Amino acid sequence: MGKDLEWMSKHAKELKMYSGKWIAVKADKGVIASGNSVKEVMEVAKRKGVEEPLVTKVPRKDEEAYILILR
């Protein structure tokens, strides 16, 4: 997960386009799914063969950040 967080840090400006959305990230692939719910992004990630992505909601300006570790 450390590499995934590092990738997010390096690409913070790019992630702004996902403001208010949930995303699934893998450092070697970038953003692999985005949507309105954790369930939605996990389903897409699994279809793409990624079992344990870093899942987070990209906050809007008026929100705090969330990171979920799903095991």
C-alpha atoms as a PDB file:
ATOM      1  CA  MET A   1       0.000   0.000   0.000  1.00  0.00           C
ATOM      2  CA  GLY A   2       2.938   2.349   0.554  1.00  0.00           C
ATOM      3  CA  LYS A   3       3.605   2.539  -3.169  1.00  0.00           C
ATOM      4  CA  ASP A   4      -0.063   3.267  -3.834  1.00  0.00           C
ATOM      5  CA  LEU A   5      -0.020   6.193  -1.385  1.00  0.00           C
ATOM      6  CA  GLU A   6       3.220   7.437  -2.896  1.00  0.00           C
ATOM      7  CA  TRP A   7       1.643   7.315  -6.367  1.00  0.00           C
ATOM      8  CA  MET A   8      -1.341   9.313  -5.112  1.00  0.00           C
ATOM      9  CA  SER A   9       0.941  11.910  -3.577  1.00  0.00           C
ATOM     10  CA  LYS A  10       2.856  12.346  -6.836  1.00  0.00           C
ATOM     11  CA  HIS A  11      -0.355  12.612  -8.880  1.00  0.00           C
ATOM     12  CA  ALA A  12      -2.449  14.775  -6.542  1.00  0.00           C
ATOM     13  CA  LYS A  13      -3.206  17.372  -9.225  1.00  0.00           C
ATOM     14  CA  GLU A  14      -4.512  14.688 -11.593  1.00  0.00           C
ATOM     15  CA  LEU A  15      -6.781  13.281  -8.898  1.00  0.00           C
ATOM     16  CA  LYS A  16      -8.699  16.548  -8.650  1.00  0.00           C
ATOM     17  CA  MET A  17     -10.685  15.452 -11.699  1.00  0.00           C
ATOM     18  CA  TYR A  18     -12.218  12.735  -9.465  1.00  0.00           C
ATOM     19  CA  SER A  19     -13.400  15.244  -6.825  1.00  0.00           C
ATOM     20  CA  GLY A  20     -16.341  13.783  -4.885  1.00  0.00           C
ATOM     21  CA  LYS A  21     -15.813  10.275  -6.334  1.00  0.00           C
ATOM     22  CA  TRP A  22     -14.439   7.049  -4.900  1.00  0.00           C
ATOM     23  CA  ILE A  23     -11.359   5.698  -6.675  1.00  0.00           C
ATOM     24  CA  ALA A  24      -9.320   2.496  -6.634  1.00  0.00           C
ATOM     25  CA  VAL A  25      -5.563   2.924  -7.146  1.00  0.00           C
ATOM     26  CA  LYS A  26      -2.626   0.609  -7.836  1.00  0.00           C
ATOM     27  CA  ALA A  27       0.771   2.267  -8.145  1.00  0.00           C
ATOM     28  CA  ASP A  28       1.747   0.306 -11.241  1.00  0.00           C
ATOM     29  CA  LYS A  29      -1.542   1.117 -13.011  1.00  0.00           C
ATOM     30  CA  GLY A  30      -2.753   4.410 -11.543  1.00  0.00           C
ATOM     31  CA  VAL A  31      -6.482   4.939 -11.085  1.00  0.00           C
ATOM     32  CA  ILE A  32      -8.122   1.683 -12.118  1.00  0.00           C
ATOM     33  CA  ALA A  33     -11.717   2.545 -11.218  1.00  0.00           C
ATOM     34  CA  SER A  34     -13.854   5.480 -10.146  1.00  0.00           C
ATOM     35  CA  GLY A  35     -17.455   5.767  -9.125  1.00  0.00           C
ATOM     36  CA  ASN A  36     -20.028   6.892  -6.608  1.00  0.00           C
ATOM     37  CA  SER A  37     -19.544   4.032  -4.137  1.00  0.00           C
ATOM     38  CA  VAL A  38     -16.890   1.739  -2.718  1.00  0.00           C
ATOM     39  CA  LYS A  39     -18.874  -1.251  -3.980  1.00  0.00           C
ATOM     40  CA  GLU A  40     -18.854   0.094  -7.526  1.00  0.00           C
ATOM     41  CA  VAL A  41     -15.086   0.703  -7.654  1.00  0.00           C
ATOM     42  CA  MET A  42     -14.314  -2.656  -6.011  1.00  0.00           C
ATOM     43  CA  GLU A  43     -16.439  -4.490  -8.573  1.00  0.00           C
ATOM     44  CA  VAL A  44     -14.582  -2.798 -11.430  1.00  0.00           C
ATOM     45  CA  ALA A  45     -11.198  -3.442  -9.802  1.00  0.00           C
ATOM     46  CA  LYS A  46     -11.992  -7.139  -9.371  1.00  0.00           C
ATOM     47  CA  ARG A  47     -13.140  -7.405 -12.996  1.00  0.00           C
ATOM     48  CA  LYS A  48      -9.754  -5.946 -13.943  1.00  0.00           C
ATOM     49  CA  GLY A  49      -8.004  -8.579 -11.808  1.00  0.00           C
ATOM     50  CA  VAL A  50      -6.943  -6.250  -8.989  1.00  0.00           C
ATOM     51  CA  GLU A  51      -7.872  -7.785  -5.632  1.00  0.00           C
ATOM     52  CA  GLU A  52      -6.454  -5.262  -3.137  1.00  0.00           C
ATOM     53  CA  PRO A  53      -6.380  -1.738  -4.505  1.00  0.00           C
ATOM     54  CA  LEU A  54      -6.103   1.323  -2.333  1.00  0.00           C
ATOM     55  CA  VAL A  55      -9.627   2.752  -2.178  1.00  0.00           C
ATOM     56  CA  THR A  56     -10.231   6.358  -1.260  1.00  0.00           C
ATOM     57  CA  LYS A  57     -12.727   9.117  -1.804  1.00  0.00           C
ATOM     58  CA  VAL A  58     -11.223  12.152  -3.472  1.00  0.00           C
ATOM     59  CA  PRO A  59     -12.584  14.921  -1.298  1.00  0.00           C
ATOM     60  CA  ARG A  60     -14.362  17.975  -2.553  1.00  0.00           C
ATOM     61  CA  LYS A  61     -13.087  21.236  -1.101  1.00  0.00           C
ATOM     62  CA  ASP A  62     -15.656  20.986   1.709  1.00  0.00           C
ATOM     63  CA  GLU A  63     -14.827  17.353   2.667  1.00  0.00           C
ATOM     64  CA  GLU A  64     -12.130  15.501   4.571  1.00  0.00           C
ATOM     65  CA  ALA A  65     -10.084  12.668   3.036  1.00  0.00           C
ATOM     66  CA  TYR A  66     -10.925   8.976   3.486  1.00  0.00           C
ATOM     67  CA  ILE A  67      -8.772   5.917   2.815  1.00  0.00           C
ATOM     68  CA  LEU A  68     -10.142   2.377   3.136  1.00  0.00           C
ATOM     69  CA  ILE A  69      -7.987  -0.696   3.524  1.00  0.00           C
ATOM     70  CA  LEU A  70     -10.070  -3.663   2.461  1.00  0.00           C
ATOM     71  CA  ARG A  71      -8.803  -7.113   3.344  1.00  0.00           C
END
